[in-house]
Amino acid sequence: MVSGARKILFKISSAVAERKRISHQLYLVTGTRINSCITAS
């Protein structure tokens, strides 16, 4: 029972970490695009 709950918690935390990592990458990509657009104009 405890090991099952631990597995579920690990899955949830890893999914949250993956989502944060993806959103951070998107933030970096869009940020650099906006900066390049500002410097180009």
PDB file of N, CA and C in Angstrom:
ATOM      1  N   MET A   1       0.838  -1.207   0.000  1.00  0.00           N
ATOM      2  CA  MET A   1       0.000   0.000   0.000  1.00  0.00           C
ATOM      3  C   MET A   1       0.874   1.261   0.000  1.00  0.00           C
ATOM      4  N   VAL A   2       1.871   1.279   0.876  1.00  0.00           N
ATOM      5  CA  VAL A   2       2.733   2.456   0.966  1.00  0.00           C
ATOM      6  C   VAL A   2       3.546   2.614  -0.311  1.00  0.00           C
ATOM      7  N   SER A   3       4.062   1.507  -0.827  1.00  0.00           N
ATOM      8  CA  SER A   3       4.871   1.578  -2.050  1.00  0.00           C
ATOM      9  C   SER A   3       4.019   2.040  -3.229  1.00  0.00           C
ATOM     10  N   GLY A   4       2.759   1.618  -3.271  1.00  0.00           N
ATOM     11  CA  GLY A   4       1.870   2.044  -4.360  1.00  0.00           C
ATOM     12  C   GLY A   4       1.637   3.537  -4.304  1.00  0.00           C
ATOM     13  N   ALA A   5       1.383   4.060  -3.101  1.00  0.00           N
ATOM     14  CA  ALA A   5       1.154   5.494  -2.946  1.00  0.00           C
ATOM     15  C   ALA A   5       2.423   6.263  -3.315  1.00  0.00           C
ATOM     16  N   ARG A   6       3.576   5.708  -2.947  1.00  0.00           N
ATOM     17  CA  ARG A   6       4.843   6.364  -3.259  1.00  0.00           C
ATOM     18  C   ARG A   6       5.056   6.420  -4.777  1.00  0.00           C
ATOM     19  N   LYS A   7       4.681   5.336  -5.468  1.00  0.00           N
ATOM     20  CA  LYS A   7       4.810   5.307  -6.936  1.00  0.00           C
ATOM     21  C   LYS A   7       3.922   6.361  -7.573  1.00  0.00           C
ATOM     22  N   ILE A   8       2.692   6.477  -7.058  1.00  0.00           N
ATOM     23  CA  ILE A   8       1.745   7.459  -7.606  1.00  0.00           C
ATOM     24  C   ILE A   8       2.270   8.871  -7.368  1.00  0.00           C
ATOM     25  N   LEU A   9       2.775   9.124  -6.168  1.00  0.00           N
ATOM     26  CA  LEU A   9       3.311  10.447  -5.855  1.00  0.00           C
ATOM     27  C   LEU A   9       4.496  10.760  -6.757  1.00  0.00           C
ATOM     28  N   PHE A  10       5.348   9.764  -6.998  1.00  0.00           N
ATOM     29  CA  PHE A  10       6.506   9.969  -7.856  1.00  0.00           C
ATOM     30  C   PHE A  10       6.059  10.290  -9.287  1.00  0.00           C
ATOM     31  N   LYS A  11       5.030   9.582  -9.768  1.00  0.00           N
ATOM     32  CA  LYS A  11       4.520   9.841 -11.122  1.00  0.00           C
ATOM     33  C   LYS A  11       3.979  11.256 -11.222  1.00  0.00           C
ATOM     34  N   ILE A  12       3.224  11.682 -10.209  1.00  0.00           N
ATOM     35  CA  ILE A  12       2.629  13.022 -10.222  1.00  0.00           C
ATOM     36  C   ILE A  12       3.734  14.079 -10.195  1.00  0.00           C
ATOM     37  N   SER A  13       4.715  13.912  -9.315  1.00  0.00           N
ATOM     38  CA  SER A  13       5.776  14.904  -9.191  1.00  0.00           C
ATOM     39  C   SER A  13       6.618  14.968 -10.453  1.00  0.00           C
ATOM     40  N   SER A  14       6.882  13.820 -11.077  1.00  0.00           N
ATOM     41  CA  SER A  14       7.669  13.812 -12.312  1.00  0.00           C
ATOM     42  C   SER A  14       6.885  14.469 -13.444  1.00  0.00           C
ATOM     43  N   ALA A  15       5.559  14.270 -13.478  1.00  0.00           N
ATOM     44  CA  ALA A  15       4.737  14.905 -14.503  1.00  0.00           C
ATOM     45  C   ALA A  15       4.729  16.421 -14.319  1.00  0.00           C
ATOM     46  N   VAL A  16       4.646  16.864 -13.065  1.00  0.00           N
ATOM     47  CA  VAL A  16       4.664  18.304 -12.783  1.00  0.00           C
ATOM     48  C   VAL A  16       6.013  18.897 -13.176  1.00  0.00           C
ATOM     49  N   ALA A  17       7.094  18.191 -12.863  1.00  0.00           N
ATOM     50  CA  ALA A  17       8.427  18.672 -13.210  1.00  0.00           C
ATOM     51  C   ALA A  17       8.582  18.761 -14.726  1.00  0.00           C
ATOM     52  N   GLU A  18       8.062  17.763 -15.436  1.00  0.00           N
ATOM     53  CA  GLU A  18       8.145  17.772 -16.901  1.00  0.00           C
ATOM     54  C   GLU A  18       7.364  18.955 -17.469  1.00  0.00           C
ATOM     55  N   ARG A  19       6.199  19.215 -16.912  1.00  0.00           N
ATOM     56  CA  ARG A  19       5.379  20.337 -17.378  1.00  0.00           C
ATOM     57  C   ARG A  19       6.085  21.664 -17.121  1.00  0.00           C
ATOM     58  N   LYS A  20       6.712  21.788 -15.948  1.00  0.00           N
ATOM     59  CA  LYS A  20       7.453  23.016 -15.632  1.00  0.00           C
ATOM     60  C   LYS A  20       8.611  23.200 -16.595  1.00  0.00           C
ATOM     61  N   ARG A  21       9.311  22.101 -16.918  1.00  0.00           N
ATOM     62  CA  ARG A  21      10.463  22.171 -17.807  1.00  0.00           C
ATOM     63  C   ARG A  21      10.020  22.602 -19.207  1.00  0.00           C
ATOM     64  N   ILE A  22       8.897  22.059 -19.684  1.00  0.00           N
ATOM     65  CA  ILE A  22       8.393  22.404 -21.014  1.00  0.00           C
ATOM     66  C   ILE A  22       7.964  23.874 -21.043  1.00  0.00           C
ATOM     67  N   SER A  23       7.265  24.325 -20.013  1.00  0.00           N
ATOM     68  CA  SER A  23       6.811  25.717 -19.984  1.00  0.00           C
ATOM     69  C   SER A  23       8.002  26.662 -19.905  1.00  0.00           C
ATOM     70  N   HIS A  24       9.057  26.245 -19.188  1.00  0.00           N
ATOM     71  CA  HIS A  24      10.261  27.074 -19.095  1.00  0.00           C
ATOM     72  C   HIS A  24      10.930  27.182 -20.456  1.00  0.00           C
ATOM     73  N   GLN A  25      10.984  26.080 -21.209  1.00  0.00           N
ATOM     74  CA  GLN A  25      11.573  26.099 -22.550  1.00  0.00           C
ATOM     75  C   GLN A  25      10.750  26.998 -23.466  1.00  0.00           C
ATOM     76  N   LEU A  26       9.426  26.899 -23.392  1.00  0.00           N
ATOM     77  CA  LEU A  26       8.560  27.750 -24.209  1.00  0.00           C
ATOM     78  C   LEU A  26       8.775  29.219 -23.846  1.00  0.00           C
ATOM     79  N   TYR A  27       8.911  29.491 -22.546  1.00  0.00           N
ATOM     80  CA  TYR A  27       9.150  30.865 -22.080  1.00  0.00           C
ATOM     81  C   TYR A  27      10.461  31.404 -22.634  1.00  0.00           C
ATOM     82  N   LEU A  28      11.505  30.566 -22.636  1.00  0.00           N
ATOM     83  CA  LEU A  28      12.795  30.993 -23.168  1.00  0.00           C
ATOM     84  C   LEU A  28      12.692  31.260 -24.667  1.00  0.00           C
ATOM     85  N   VAL A  29      12.028  30.368 -25.397  1.00  0.00           N
ATOM     86  CA  VAL A  29      11.911  30.520 -26.854  1.00  0.00           C
ATOM     87  C   VAL A  29      11.142  31.788 -27.198  1.00  0.00           C
ATOM     88  N   THR A  30       9.991  31.994 -26.562  1.00  0.00           N
ATOM     89  CA  THR A  30       9.190  33.178 -26.869  1.00  0.00           C
ATOM     90  C   THR A  30       9.913  34.443 -26.417  1.00  0.00           C
ATOM     91  N   GLY A  31      10.613  34.378 -25.299  1.00  0.00           N
ATOM     92  CA  GLY A  31      11.353  35.545 -24.802  1.00  0.00           C
ATOM     93  C   GLY A  31      12.441  35.966 -25.777  1.00  0.00           C
ATOM     94  N   THR A  32      13.191  35.002 -26.299  1.00  0.00           N
ATOM     95  CA  THR A  32      14.259  35.336 -27.243  1.00  0.00           C
ATOM     96  C   THR A  32      13.659  35.864 -28.542  1.00  0.00           C
ATOM     97  N   ARG A  33      12.525  35.326 -28.951  1.00  0.00           N
ATOM     98  CA  ARG A  33      11.876  35.808 -30.179  1.00  0.00           C
ATOM     99  C   ARG A  33      11.433  37.252 -30.010  1.00  0.00           C
ATOM    100  N   ILE A  34      10.838  37.571 -28.865  1.00  0.00           N
ATOM    101  CA  ILE A  34      10.364  38.937 -28.618  1.00  0.00           C
ATOM    102  C   ILE A  34      11.566  39.888 -28.571  1.00  0.00           C
ATOM    103  N   ASN A  35      12.643  39.475 -27.904  1.00  0.00           N
ATOM    104  CA  ASN A  35      13.834  40.307 -27.820  1.00  0.00           C
ATOM    105  C   ASN A  35      14.420  40.558 -29.203  1.00  0.00           C
ATOM    106  N   SER A  36      14.490  39.534 -30.032  1.00  0.00           N
ATOM    107  CA  SER A  36      15.051  39.693 -31.383  1.00  0.00           C
ATOM    108  C   SER A  36      14.156  40.601 -32.220  1.00  0.00           C
ATOM    109  N   CYS A  37      12.845  40.519 -32.024  1.00  0.00           N
ATOM    110  CA  CYS A  37      11.931  41.390 -32.762  1.00  0.00           C
ATOM    111  C   CYS A  37      12.127  42.843 -32.335  1.00  0.00           C
ATOM    112  N   ILE A  38      12.319  43.074 -31.042  1.00  0.00           N
ATOM    113  CA  ILE A  38      12.506  44.439 -30.531  1.00  0.00           C
ATOM    114  C   ILE A  38      13.819  45.013 -31.065  1.00  0.00           C
ATOM    115  N   THR A  39      14.877  44.222 -31.046  1.00  0.00           N
ATOM    116  CA  THR A  39      16.173  44.718 -31.509  1.00  0.00           C
ATOM    117  C   THR A  39      16.169  44.908 -33.026  1.00  0.00           C
ATOM    118  N   ALA A  40      15.388  44.100 -33.750  1.00  0.00           N
ATOM    119  CA  ALA A  40      15.342  44.212 -35.209  1.00  0.00           C
ATOM    120  C   ALA A  40      14.629  45.498 -35.618  1.00  0.00           C
ATOM    121  N   SER A  41      13.617  45.892 -34.852  1.00  0.00           N
ATOM    122  CA  SER A  41      12.855  47.106 -35.183  1.00  0.00           C
ATOM    123  C   SER A  41      13.479  48.327 -34.532  1.00  0.00           C
TER     124      SER A  41
END
